[in-house]
PDB file of N, CA and C in Angstrom:
ATOM      1  N   UNK A   1      -8.180  -0.703   2.032  1.00  0.00           N
ATOM      2  CA  UNK A   1      -7.847   0.652   1.577  1.00  0.00           C
ATOM      3  C   UNK A   1      -6.688   0.616   0.599  1.00  0.00           C
ATOM      4  N   UNK A   2      -6.622   1.631  -0.225  1.00  0.00           N
ATOM      5  CA  UNK A   2      -5.509   1.720  -1.176  1.00  0.00           C
ATOM      6  C   UNK A   2      -4.930   3.123  -1.176  1.00  0.00           C
ATOM      7  N   UNK A   3      -3.628   3.201  -1.303  1.00  0.00           N
ATOM      8  CA  UNK A   3      -2.962   4.501  -1.355  1.00  0.00           C
ATOM      9  C   UNK A   3      -2.004   4.541  -2.538  1.00  0.00           C
ATOM     10  N   UNK A   4      -1.745   5.727  -3.030  1.00  0.00           N
ATOM     11  CA  UNK A   4      -0.858   5.883  -4.175  1.00  0.00           C
ATOM     12  C   UNK A   4       0.599   5.694  -3.776  1.00  0.00           C
ATOM     13  N   UNK A   5       0.890   5.926  -2.511  1.00  0.00           N
ATOM     14  CA  UNK A   5       2.269   5.819  -2.041  1.00  0.00           C
ATOM     15  C   UNK A   5       2.415   4.705  -1.026  1.00  0.00           C
ATOM     16  N   UNK A   6       3.574   4.069  -0.979  1.00  0.00           N
ATOM     17  CA  UNK A   6       3.824   2.974  -0.049  1.00  0.00           C
ATOM     18  C   UNK A   6       3.739   3.419   1.408  1.00  0.00           C
ATOM     19  N   UNK A   7       3.348   2.500   2.280  1.00  0.00           N
ATOM     20  CA  UNK A   7       3.309   2.785   3.711  1.00  0.00           C
ATOM     21  C   UNK A   7       3.791   1.551   4.465  1.00  0.00           C
ATOM     22  N   UNK A   8       3.683   1.579   5.774  1.00  0.00           N
ATOM     23  CA  UNK A   8       4.179   0.469   6.591  1.00  0.00           C
ATOM     24  C   UNK A   8       3.394  -0.818   6.310  1.00  0.00           C
ATOM     25  N   UNK A   9       2.203  -0.676   5.738  1.00  0.00           N
ATOM     26  CA  UNK A   9       1.376  -1.847   5.462  1.00  0.00           C
ATOM     27  C   UNK A   9       1.156  -2.014   3.955  1.00  0.00           C
ATOM     28  N   UNK A  10       2.090  -1.461   3.163  1.00  0.00           N
ATOM     29  CA  UNK A  10       1.923  -1.488   1.711  1.00  0.00           C
ATOM     30  C   UNK A  10       2.535  -2.738   1.096  1.00  0.00           C
ATOM     31  N   UNK A  11       1.986  -3.136  -0.014  1.00  0.00           N
ATOM     32  CA  UNK A  11       2.520  -4.257  -0.779  1.00  0.00           C
ATOM     33  C   UNK A  11       3.552  -3.721  -1.774  1.00  0.00           C
ATOM     34  N   UNK A  12       4.322  -4.589  -2.428  1.00  0.00           N
ATOM     35  CA  UNK A  12       5.327  -4.161  -3.407  1.00  0.00           C
ATOM     36  C   UNK A  12       4.758  -3.276  -4.510  1.00  0.00           C
ATOM     37  N   UNK A  13       3.460  -3.390  -4.750  1.00  0.00           N
ATOM     38  CA  UNK A  13       2.807  -2.592  -5.776  1.00  0.00           C
ATOM     39  C   UNK A  13       2.594  -1.154  -5.317  1.00  0.00           C
ATOM     40  N   UNK A  14       2.838  -0.895  -4.032  1.00  0.00           N
ATOM     41  CA  UNK A  14       2.662   0.447  -3.513  1.00  0.00           C
ATOM     42  C   UNK A  14       1.258   0.669  -2.983  1.00  0.00           C
ATOM     43  N   UNK A  15       0.448  -0.391  -2.991  1.00  0.00           N
ATOM     44  CA  UNK A  15      -0.918  -0.269  -2.473  1.00  0.00           C
ATOM     45  C   UNK A  15      -1.031  -0.982  -1.133  1.00  0.00           C
ATOM     46  N   UNK A  16      -1.815  -0.419  -0.253  1.00  0.00           N
ATOM     47  CA  UNK A  16      -1.986  -1.038   1.062  1.00  0.00           C
ATOM     48  C   UNK A  16      -2.795  -2.320   0.941  1.00  0.00           C
ATOM     49  N   UNK A  17      -2.502  -3.270   1.800  1.00  0.00           N
ATOM     50  CA  UNK A  17      -3.248  -4.519   1.831  1.00  0.00           C
ATOM     51  C   UNK A  17      -4.593  -4.310   2.499  1.00  0.00           C
ATOM     52  N   UNK A  18      -5.530  -5.201   2.208  1.00  0.00           N
ATOM     53  CA  UNK A  18      -6.866  -5.080   2.797  1.00  0.00           C
ATOM     54  C   UNK A  18      -6.819  -5.195   4.312  1.00  0.00           C
TER      55      UNK A  18
END
């Protein structure tokens, strides 16, 4: 999944990891 905003499982790019 990908999100526009960072989350607890987000990468430095602000996208969630698979």
